[in-house]
């Protein structure tokens, strides 16, 4: 005969204790990250006050029931006067669960090594009141697994960005730039959607075009008007769209819902 099974009531009681302990620990650690008495981390660019963003996240979201929160998620698409595309991605993410680590802490970014350069600008973890910067081994260049034997894709590369020093909960910052080496295309276009799989405190999209030219974009949804600026070094006018307190896309995701998602469609054609 086997061992006597543990009564279901006892199993439930143990499960509840484990869950309560997890929630309590998460709450204490989250409070430590939010506490104004701690050092206030700034983003790699110095433009985002991560401490303030984290406090806002604690005020507007139930952090104990979120896998992750995007404190900041931004993309810049620049089309230079000589006809080159520059894409800049920047994300600051608060992580609470293993699911969030698997989804957001280890990234795979495809790019074209024959026509583009890839440059990491931030890969670090905020924990225990300090930044833990990922080392050289955290950046791995490989072939995209789906095309590693396809002759037509010999120029394609996939760079893996792996965050070191992760213990839950924590904050990670990831930023990189993909830039055309020289002009090789007639134009570029794309779509930036503001809601994503997790809630966000701030989401931003910037379109940069040669100074004095007319930007081509279409806005769908309740998105504030863009703020015009400039990148004098590159000779660009910039148009930045920003949304605050952006809820996650609900599930299940229907075609009708996707059509109504706030987004910016842009083109240089």
C-alpha atoms as a PDB file:
ATOM      1  CA  UNK A   1       0.000   0.000   0.000  1.00  0.00           C
ATOM      2  CA  UNK A   2       1.158   3.531  -0.769  1.00  0.00           C
ATOM      3  CA  UNK A   3       1.310   6.425   1.584  1.00  0.00           C
ATOM      4  CA  UNK A   4      -1.896   7.911   2.864  1.00  0.00           C
ATOM      5  CA  UNK A   5      -2.809  10.890   0.707  1.00  0.00           C
ATOM      6  CA  UNK A   6      -2.628  14.317   2.325  1.00  0.00           C
ATOM      7  CA  UNK A   7      -6.173  15.518   3.089  1.00  0.00           C
ATOM      8  CA  UNK A   8      -7.366  18.068   0.568  1.00  0.00           C
ATOM      9  CA  UNK A   9      -8.143  20.542   3.333  1.00  0.00           C
ATOM     10  CA  UNK A  10      -4.506  20.381   4.441  1.00  0.00           C
ATOM     11  CA  UNK A  11      -3.340  20.829   0.846  1.00  0.00           C
ATOM     12  CA  UNK A  12      -5.534  23.883   0.452  1.00  0.00           C
ATOM     13  CA  UNK A  13      -4.312  25.325   3.748  1.00  0.00           C
ATOM     14  CA  UNK A  14      -0.661  24.881   2.718  1.00  0.00           C
ATOM     15  CA  UNK A  15      -1.327  26.409  -0.687  1.00  0.00           C
ATOM     16  CA  UNK A  16      -3.008  29.401   0.938  1.00  0.00           C
ATOM     17  CA  UNK A  17      -0.040  29.873   3.282  1.00  0.00           C
ATOM     18  CA  UNK A  18       2.399  29.763   0.361  1.00  0.00           C
ATOM     19  CA  UNK A  19       0.311  32.262  -1.599  1.00  0.00           C
ATOM     20  CA  UNK A  20       0.032  34.587   1.405  1.00  0.00           C
ATOM     21  CA  UNK A  21       3.773  34.443   1.978  1.00  0.00           C
ATOM     22  CA  UNK A  22       4.442  35.233  -1.673  1.00  0.00           C
ATOM     23  CA  UNK A  23       2.050  38.188  -1.674  1.00  0.00           C
ATOM     24  CA  UNK A  24       3.493  39.521   1.583  1.00  0.00           C
ATOM     25  CA  UNK A  25       7.060  39.289   0.284  1.00  0.00           C
ATOM     26  CA  UNK A  26       6.125  40.890  -3.015  1.00  0.00           C
ATOM     27  CA  UNK A  27       4.388  43.704  -1.191  1.00  0.00           C
ATOM     28  CA  UNK A  28       7.378  44.379   1.044  1.00  0.00           C
ATOM     29  CA  UNK A  29       9.838  44.358  -1.826  1.00  0.00           C
ATOM     30  CA  UNK A  30       7.606  46.503  -3.985  1.00  0.00           C
ATOM     31  CA  UNK A  31       7.272  49.012  -1.172  1.00  0.00           C
ATOM     32  CA  UNK A  32      11.057  49.111  -0.946  1.00  0.00           C
ATOM     33  CA  UNK A  33      11.294  49.936  -4.635  1.00  0.00           C
ATOM     34  CA  UNK A  34       8.629  52.617  -4.361  1.00  0.00           C
ATOM     35  CA  UNK A  35       9.869  54.191  -1.118  1.00  0.00           C
ATOM     36  CA  UNK A  36      11.088  57.777  -1.607  1.00  0.00           C
ATOM     37  CA  UNK A  37      13.741  57.168   1.040  1.00  0.00           C
ATOM     38  CA  UNK A  38      15.578  54.961  -1.423  1.00  0.00           C
ATOM     39  CA  UNK A  39      17.898  56.339  -4.095  1.00  0.00           C
ATOM     40  CA  UNK A  40      16.025  57.602  -7.120  1.00  0.00           C
ATOM     41  CA  UNK A  41      17.274  55.756 -10.211  1.00  0.00           C
ATOM     42  CA  UNK A  42      17.280  57.618 -13.513  1.00  0.00           C
ATOM     43  CA  UNK A  43      17.122  56.115 -16.978  1.00  0.00           C
ATOM     44  CA  UNK A  44      20.257  55.700 -19.069  1.00  0.00           C
ATOM     45  CA  UNK A  45      19.303  58.811 -21.052  1.00  0.00           C
ATOM     46  CA  UNK A  46      18.507  60.850 -17.945  1.00  0.00           C
ATOM     47  CA  UNK A  47      15.072  61.640 -19.375  1.00  0.00           C
ATOM     48  CA  UNK A  48      12.992  59.273 -17.216  1.00  0.00           C
ATOM     49  CA  UNK A  49      12.797  59.418 -13.416  1.00  0.00           C
ATOM     50  CA  UNK A  50      12.385  55.722 -12.682  1.00  0.00           C
ATOM     51  CA  UNK A  51      11.639  56.310  -8.997  1.00  0.00           C
ATOM     52  CA  UNK A  52       8.746  58.622  -9.875  1.00  0.00           C
ATOM     53  CA  UNK A  53       7.459  56.210 -12.526  1.00  0.00           C
ATOM     54  CA  UNK A  54       7.532  53.359 -10.005  1.00  0.00           C
ATOM     55  CA  UNK A  55       5.595  55.377  -7.453  1.00  0.00           C
ATOM     56  CA  UNK A  56       2.978  56.186 -10.081  1.00  0.00           C
ATOM     57  CA  UNK A  57       2.723  52.501 -10.970  1.00  0.00           C
ATOM     58  CA  UNK A  58       2.069  51.682  -7.317  1.00  0.00           C
ATOM     59  CA  UNK A  59      -0.690  54.296  -7.180  1.00  0.00           C
ATOM     60  CA  UNK A  60      -2.600  53.325 -10.329  1.00  0.00           C
ATOM     61  CA  UNK A  61      -2.076  49.554 -10.592  1.00  0.00           C
ATOM     62  CA  UNK A  62      -2.565  46.621  -8.237  1.00  0.00           C
ATOM     63  CA  UNK A  63       1.037  45.447  -8.398  1.00  0.00           C
ATOM     64  CA  UNK A  64       0.391  42.283  -6.412  1.00  0.00           C
ATOM     65  CA  UNK A  65      -1.772  41.049  -9.281  1.00  0.00           C
ATOM     66  CA  UNK A  66       0.411  42.114 -12.214  1.00  0.00           C
ATOM     67  CA  UNK A  67       3.130  40.011 -13.816  1.00  0.00           C
ATOM     68  CA  UNK A  68       4.892  43.140 -15.022  1.00  0.00           C
ATOM     69  CA  UNK A  69       4.386  46.850 -15.612  1.00  0.00           C
ATOM     70  CA  UNK A  70       6.073  48.931 -18.295  1.00  0.00           C
ATOM     71  CA  UNK A  71       7.279  51.997 -16.427  1.00  0.00           C
ATOM     72  CA  UNK A  72       8.354  53.421 -19.770  1.00  0.00           C
ATOM     73  CA  UNK A  73       8.163  52.016 -23.272  1.00  0.00           C
ATOM     74  CA  UNK A  74       9.403  54.105 -26.155  1.00  0.00           C
ATOM     75  CA  UNK A  75      10.388  53.866 -29.789  1.00  0.00           C
ATOM     76  CA  UNK A  76      11.993  56.423 -32.077  1.00  0.00           C
ATOM     77  CA  UNK A  77      11.923  56.093 -35.855  1.00  0.00           C
ATOM     78  CA  UNK A  78      14.236  58.514 -37.646  1.00  0.00           C
ATOM     79  CA  UNK A  79      14.544  59.021 -41.408  1.00  0.00           C
ATOM     80  CA  UNK A  80      17.734  60.975 -42.030  1.00  0.00           C
ATOM     81  CA  UNK A  81      18.324  63.587 -44.760  1.00  0.00           C
ATOM     82  CA  UNK A  82      20.555  61.120 -46.639  1.00  0.00           C
ATOM     83  CA  UNK A  83      17.845  58.432 -46.598  1.00  0.00           C
ATOM     84  CA  UNK A  84      18.837  56.159 -43.723  1.00  0.00           C
ATOM     85  CA  UNK A  85      16.546  54.645 -41.109  1.00  0.00           C
ATOM     86  CA  UNK A  86      17.468  54.704 -37.429  1.00  0.00           C
ATOM     87  CA  UNK A  87      15.341  52.751 -34.939  1.00  0.00           C
ATOM     88  CA  UNK A  88      15.794  53.316 -31.203  1.00  0.00           C
ATOM     89  CA  UNK A  89      14.024  51.149 -28.632  1.00  0.00           C
ATOM     90  CA  UNK A  90      13.917  51.888 -24.907  1.00  0.00           C
ATOM     91  CA  UNK A  91      12.023  49.946 -22.257  1.00  0.00           C
ATOM     92  CA  UNK A  92      11.974  50.121 -18.446  1.00  0.00           C
ATOM     93  CA  UNK A  93      10.020  47.241 -16.925  1.00  0.00           C
ATOM     94  CA  UNK A  94       9.063  46.251 -13.407  1.00  0.00           C
ATOM     95  CA  UNK A  95       8.998  42.449 -13.045  1.00  0.00           C
ATOM     96  CA  UNK A  96       7.137  40.446 -10.412  1.00  0.00           C
ATOM     97  CA  UNK A  97       6.851  36.868 -11.734  1.00  0.00           C
ATOM     98  CA  UNK A  98       8.859  34.173 -13.509  1.00  0.00           C
ATOM     99  CA  UNK A  99       6.505  34.578 -16.452  1.00  0.00           C
ATOM    100  CA  UNK A 100       7.583  38.213 -16.726  1.00  0.00           C
ATOM    101  CA  UNK A 101      11.259  37.231 -16.642  1.00  0.00           C
ATOM    102  CA  UNK A 102      10.790  34.752 -19.475  1.00  0.00           C
ATOM    103  CA  UNK A 103       8.839  37.276 -21.515  1.00  0.00           C
ATOM    104  CA  UNK A 104      10.784  40.499 -20.977  1.00  0.00           C
ATOM    105  CA  UNK A 105      14.235  39.844 -19.498  1.00  0.00           C
ATOM    106  CA  UNK A 106      15.687  37.753 -22.331  1.00  0.00           C
ATOM    107  CA  UNK A 107      15.133  39.359 -25.726  1.00  0.00           C
ATOM    108  CA  UNK A 108      15.891  38.334 -29.310  1.00  0.00           C
ATOM    109  CA  UNK A 109      16.251  41.237 -31.751  1.00  0.00           C
ATOM    110  CA  UNK A 110      16.569  40.578 -35.508  1.00  0.00           C
ATOM    111  CA  UNK A 111      18.590  42.879 -37.775  1.00  0.00           C
ATOM    112  CA  UNK A 112      20.335  42.899 -41.164  1.00  0.00           C
ATOM    113  CA  UNK A 113      24.123  42.725 -40.769  1.00  0.00           C
ATOM    114  CA  UNK A 114      24.742  43.615 -44.428  1.00  0.00           C
ATOM    115  CA  UNK A 115      22.947  46.956 -44.211  1.00  0.00           C
ATOM    116  CA  UNK A 116      22.615  47.821 -40.524  1.00  0.00           C
ATOM    117  CA  UNK A 117      24.520  48.111 -37.274  1.00  0.00           C
ATOM    118  CA  UNK A 118      23.216  47.016 -33.879  1.00  0.00           C
ATOM    119  CA  UNK A 119      24.253  48.868 -30.735  1.00  0.00           C
ATOM    120  CA  UNK A 120      23.179  48.151 -27.164  1.00  0.00           C
ATOM    121  CA  UNK A 121      22.835  51.303 -25.079  1.00  0.00           C
ATOM    122  CA  UNK A 122      21.363  49.883 -21.852  1.00  0.00           C
ATOM    123  CA  UNK A 123      21.128  46.388 -20.392  1.00  0.00           C
ATOM    124  CA  UNK A 124      20.893  46.555 -16.626  1.00  0.00           C
ATOM    125  CA  UNK A 125      18.882  45.573 -13.549  1.00  0.00           C
ATOM    126  CA  UNK A 126      17.895  47.807 -10.611  1.00  0.00           C
ATOM    127  CA  UNK A 127      17.931  45.762  -7.415  1.00  0.00           C
ATOM    128  CA  UNK A 128      19.034  46.314  -3.817  1.00  0.00           C
ATOM    129  CA  UNK A 129      19.299  50.055  -4.435  1.00  0.00           C
ATOM    130  CA  UNK A 130      21.905  49.754  -7.208  1.00  0.00           C
ATOM    131  CA  UNK A 131      22.300  49.038 -10.912  1.00  0.00           C
ATOM    132  CA  UNK A 132      23.628  45.646 -11.964  1.00  0.00           C
ATOM    133  CA  UNK A 133      24.988  46.053 -15.486  1.00  0.00           C
ATOM    134  CA  UNK A 134      24.948  42.950 -17.668  1.00  0.00           C
ATOM    135  CA  UNK A 135      28.401  41.835 -18.804  1.00  0.00           C
ATOM    136  CA  UNK A 136      29.711  41.106 -22.313  1.00  0.00           C
ATOM    137  CA  UNK A 137      28.461  37.521 -22.203  1.00  0.00           C
ATOM    138  CA  UNK A 138      24.888  38.825 -21.897  1.00  0.00           C
ATOM    139  CA  UNK A 139      24.962  39.990 -25.530  1.00  0.00           C
ATOM    140  CA  UNK A 140      24.928  37.017 -27.896  1.00  0.00           C
ATOM    141  CA  UNK A 141      24.797  37.243 -31.676  1.00  0.00           C
ATOM    142  CA  UNK A 142      23.265  34.319 -33.513  1.00  0.00           C
ATOM    143  CA  UNK A 143      21.194  33.423 -36.552  1.00  0.00           C
ATOM    144  CA  UNK A 144      17.404  33.567 -36.322  1.00  0.00           C
ATOM    145  CA  UNK A 145      16.457  29.964 -35.555  1.00  0.00           C
ATOM    146  CA  UNK A 146      13.736  29.941 -38.219  1.00  0.00           C
ATOM    147  CA  UNK A 147      16.067  30.878 -41.101  1.00  0.00           C
ATOM    148  CA  UNK A 148      19.432  29.423 -40.107  1.00  0.00           C
ATOM    149  CA  UNK A 149      19.477  27.214 -43.220  1.00  0.00           C
ATOM    150  CA  UNK A 150      17.853  29.601 -45.702  1.00  0.00           C
ATOM    151  CA  UNK A 151      20.252  31.033 -48.314  1.00  0.00           C
ATOM    152  CA  UNK A 152      18.134  34.149 -48.847  1.00  0.00           C
ATOM    153  CA  UNK A 153      18.613  35.204 -45.237  1.00  0.00           C
ATOM    154  CA  UNK A 154      22.378  34.925 -44.891  1.00  0.00           C
ATOM    155  CA  UNK A 155      22.654  38.562 -43.779  1.00  0.00           C
ATOM    156  CA  UNK A 156      20.093  38.256 -41.009  1.00  0.00           C
ATOM    157  CA  UNK A 157      21.320  38.222 -37.435  1.00  0.00           C
ATOM    158  CA  UNK A 158      19.536  37.887 -34.125  1.00  0.00           C
ATOM    159  CA  UNK A 159      21.088  39.486 -31.078  1.00  0.00           C
ATOM    160  CA  UNK A 160      20.098  38.050 -27.713  1.00  0.00           C
ATOM    161  CA  UNK A 161      20.052  40.485 -24.792  1.00  0.00           C
ATOM    162  CA  UNK A 162      20.131  38.762 -21.397  1.00  0.00           C
ATOM    163  CA  UNK A 163      19.665  40.643 -18.131  1.00  0.00           C
ATOM    164  CA  UNK A 164      22.002  39.694 -15.270  1.00  0.00           C
ATOM    165  CA  UNK A 165      21.272  40.013 -11.556  1.00  0.00           C
ATOM    166  CA  UNK A 166      17.538  39.388 -11.642  1.00  0.00           C
ATOM    167  CA  UNK A 167      15.743  38.622  -8.374  1.00  0.00           C
ATOM    168  CA  UNK A 168      12.019  39.223  -8.055  1.00  0.00           C
ATOM    169  CA  UNK A 169      10.720  41.825  -7.923  1.00  0.00           C
ATOM    170  CA  UNK A 170      13.118  44.111  -9.780  1.00  0.00           C
ATOM    171  CA  UNK A 171      13.333  46.723 -12.520  1.00  0.00           C
ATOM    172  CA  UNK A 172      15.155  46.171 -15.801  1.00  0.00           C
ATOM    173  CA  UNK A 173      16.166  48.712 -18.424  1.00  0.00           C
ATOM    174  CA  UNK A 174      16.791  47.728 -22.031  1.00  0.00           C
ATOM    175  CA  UNK A 175      17.754  50.056 -24.875  1.00  0.00           C
ATOM    176  CA  UNK A 176      19.309  49.541 -28.287  1.00  0.00           C
ATOM    177  CA  UNK A 177      19.766  51.222 -31.670  1.00  0.00           C
ATOM    178  CA  UNK A 178      19.513  49.669 -35.147  1.00  0.00           C
ATOM    179  CA  UNK A 179      20.904  52.017 -37.804  1.00  0.00           C
ATOM    180  CA  UNK A 180      21.299  51.788 -41.569  1.00  0.00           C
ATOM    181  CA  UNK A 181      24.994  51.967 -42.495  1.00  0.00           C
ATOM    182  CA  UNK A 182      24.244  53.756 -45.775  1.00  0.00           C
ATOM    183  CA  UNK A 183      21.144  54.497 -47.864  1.00  0.00           C
ATOM    184  CA  UNK A 184      19.803  51.321 -49.463  1.00  0.00           C
ATOM    185  CA  UNK A 185      16.007  51.682 -49.451  1.00  0.00           C
ATOM    186  CA  UNK A 186      13.557  54.112 -50.987  1.00  0.00           C
ATOM    187  CA  UNK A 187      11.601  54.676 -47.791  1.00  0.00           C
ATOM    188  CA  UNK A 188      10.222  53.129 -44.625  1.00  0.00           C
ATOM    189  CA  UNK A 189       6.895  52.784 -42.837  1.00  0.00           C
ATOM    190  CA  UNK A 190       5.437  51.199 -39.743  1.00  0.00           C
ATOM    191  CA  UNK A 191       2.775  51.118 -37.043  1.00  0.00           C
ATOM    192  CA  UNK A 192       3.227  51.816 -33.337  1.00  0.00           C
ATOM    193  CA  UNK A 193       0.478  50.624 -31.003  1.00  0.00           C
ATOM    194  CA  UNK A 194       0.327  52.110 -27.521  1.00  0.00           C
ATOM    195  CA  UNK A 195      -1.420  49.357 -25.474  1.00  0.00           C
ATOM    196  CA  UNK A 196       0.598  46.148 -25.104  1.00  0.00           C
ATOM    197  CA  UNK A 197       0.441  42.919 -23.151  1.00  0.00           C
ATOM    198  CA  UNK A 198       1.111  44.625 -19.808  1.00  0.00           C
ATOM    199  CA  UNK A 199      -0.093  47.936 -18.340  1.00  0.00           C
ATOM    200  CA  UNK A 200       2.210  50.920 -18.823  1.00  0.00           C
ATOM    201  CA  UNK A 201       2.826  54.148 -16.934  1.00  0.00           C
ATOM    202  CA  UNK A 202       4.171  55.986 -19.996  1.00  0.00           C
ATOM    203  CA  UNK A 203       4.354  55.021 -23.677  1.00  0.00           C
ATOM    204  CA  UNK A 204       6.060  57.179 -26.275  1.00  0.00           C
ATOM    205  CA  UNK A 205       6.630  57.187 -30.032  1.00  0.00           C
ATOM    206  CA  UNK A 206       8.817  59.699 -31.881  1.00  0.00           C
ATOM    207  CA  UNK A 207       8.961  60.196 -35.640  1.00  0.00           C
ATOM    208  CA  UNK A 208      11.962  62.083 -36.968  1.00  0.00           C
ATOM    209  CA  UNK A 209      12.065  63.507 -40.510  1.00  0.00           C
ATOM    210  CA  UNK A 210      14.482  65.856 -42.317  1.00  0.00           C
ATOM    211  CA  UNK A 211      14.099  69.396 -40.983  1.00  0.00           C
ATOM    212  CA  UNK A 212      11.540  71.406 -42.908  1.00  0.00           C
ATOM    213  CA  UNK A 213       9.855  68.399 -44.513  1.00  0.00           C
ATOM    214  CA  UNK A 214       6.252  67.349 -43.945  1.00  0.00           C
ATOM    215  CA  UNK A 215       5.801  64.316 -41.650  1.00  0.00           C
ATOM    216  CA  UNK A 216       3.462  61.625 -42.915  1.00  0.00           C
ATOM    217  CA  UNK A 217       1.498  59.938 -40.140  1.00  0.00           C
ATOM    218  CA  UNK A 218      -2.053  58.973 -39.234  1.00  0.00           C
ATOM    219  CA  UNK A 219      -3.411  58.733 -35.699  1.00  0.00           C
ATOM    220  CA  UNK A 220      -6.142  56.329 -34.629  1.00  0.00           C
ATOM    221  CA  UNK A 221      -7.696  56.599 -31.189  1.00  0.00           C
ATOM    222  CA  UNK A 222      -7.542  59.141 -28.396  1.00  0.00           C
ATOM    223  CA  UNK A 223      -3.852  60.033 -28.629  1.00  0.00           C
ATOM    224  CA  UNK A 224      -2.654  63.516 -27.592  1.00  0.00           C
ATOM    225  CA  UNK A 225      -1.239  65.732 -30.331  1.00  0.00           C
ATOM    226  CA  UNK A 226       2.488  65.269 -30.894  1.00  0.00           C
ATOM    227  CA  UNK A 227       5.061  67.613 -29.407  1.00  0.00           C
ATOM    228  CA  UNK A 228       7.371  69.018 -32.053  1.00  0.00           C
ATOM    229  CA  UNK A 229      11.079  69.100 -31.324  1.00  0.00           C
ATOM    230  CA  UNK A 230      14.358  68.708 -33.145  1.00  0.00           C
ATOM    231  CA  UNK A 231      17.506  66.629 -33.367  1.00  0.00           C
ATOM    232  CA  UNK A 232      19.967  69.247 -34.563  1.00  0.00           C
ATOM    233  CA  UNK A 233      22.876  66.822 -34.747  1.00  0.00           C
ATOM    234  CA  UNK A 234      21.026  64.693 -37.302  1.00  0.00           C
ATOM    235  CA  UNK A 235      19.199  67.590 -38.965  1.00  0.00           C
ATOM    236  CA  UNK A 236      15.723  66.354 -38.050  1.00  0.00           C
ATOM    237  CA  UNK A 237      12.380  67.673 -36.918  1.00  0.00           C
ATOM    238  CA  UNK A 238      10.858  65.302 -34.376  1.00  0.00           C
ATOM    239  CA  UNK A 239       7.235  64.601 -33.480  1.00  0.00           C
ATOM    240  CA  UNK A 240       6.667  62.821 -30.168  1.00  0.00           C
ATOM    241  CA  UNK A 241       3.373  61.163 -29.227  1.00  0.00           C
ATOM    242  CA  UNK A 242       2.969  60.254 -25.545  1.00  0.00           C
ATOM    243  CA  UNK A 243       0.244  58.424 -23.641  1.00  0.00           C
ATOM    244  CA  UNK A 244       0.161  57.969 -19.866  1.00  0.00           C
ATOM    245  CA  UNK A 245      -1.502  55.233 -17.803  1.00  0.00           C
ATOM    246  CA  UNK A 246      -2.080  52.867 -20.711  1.00  0.00           C
ATOM    247  CA  UNK A 247      -3.981  49.725 -19.738  1.00  0.00           C
ATOM    248  CA  UNK A 248      -2.942  46.333 -21.080  1.00  0.00           C
ATOM    249  CA  UNK A 249      -4.739  44.866 -24.056  1.00  0.00           C
ATOM    250  CA  UNK A 250      -7.626  42.773 -22.719  1.00  0.00           C
ATOM    251  CA  UNK A 251      -7.975  39.074 -23.443  1.00  0.00           C
ATOM    252  CA  UNK A 252      -9.301  37.485 -25.549  1.00  0.00           C
ATOM    253  CA  UNK A 253      -8.207  39.855 -28.312  1.00  0.00           C
ATOM    254  CA  UNK A 254     -10.827  40.150 -31.006  1.00  0.00           C
ATOM    255  CA  UNK A 255     -10.347  41.638 -34.477  1.00  0.00           C
ATOM    256  CA  UNK A 256     -12.727  44.459 -33.601  1.00  0.00           C
ATOM    257  CA  UNK A 257     -10.759  45.315 -30.474  1.00  0.00           C
ATOM    258  CA  UNK A 258      -7.460  45.342 -32.362  1.00  0.00           C
ATOM    259  CA  UNK A 259      -8.914  47.719 -34.950  1.00  0.00           C
ATOM    260  CA  UNK A 260      -9.763  50.187 -32.167  1.00  0.00           C
ATOM    261  CA  UNK A 261      -6.344  50.125 -30.494  1.00  0.00           C
ATOM    262  CA  UNK A 262      -4.746  53.606 -30.224  1.00  0.00           C
ATOM    263  CA  UNK A 263      -1.901  53.681 -32.727  1.00  0.00           C
ATOM    264  CA  UNK A 264       0.235  55.814 -35.010  1.00  0.00           C
ATOM    265  CA  UNK A 265       0.821  54.746 -38.611  1.00  0.00           C
ATOM    266  CA  UNK A 266       3.803  56.459 -40.221  1.00  0.00           C
ATOM    267  CA  UNK A 267       5.545  56.522 -43.580  1.00  0.00           C
ATOM    268  CA  UNK A 268       8.424  58.291 -45.323  1.00  0.00           C
ATOM    269  CA  UNK A 269       7.137  57.594 -48.837  1.00  0.00           C
END
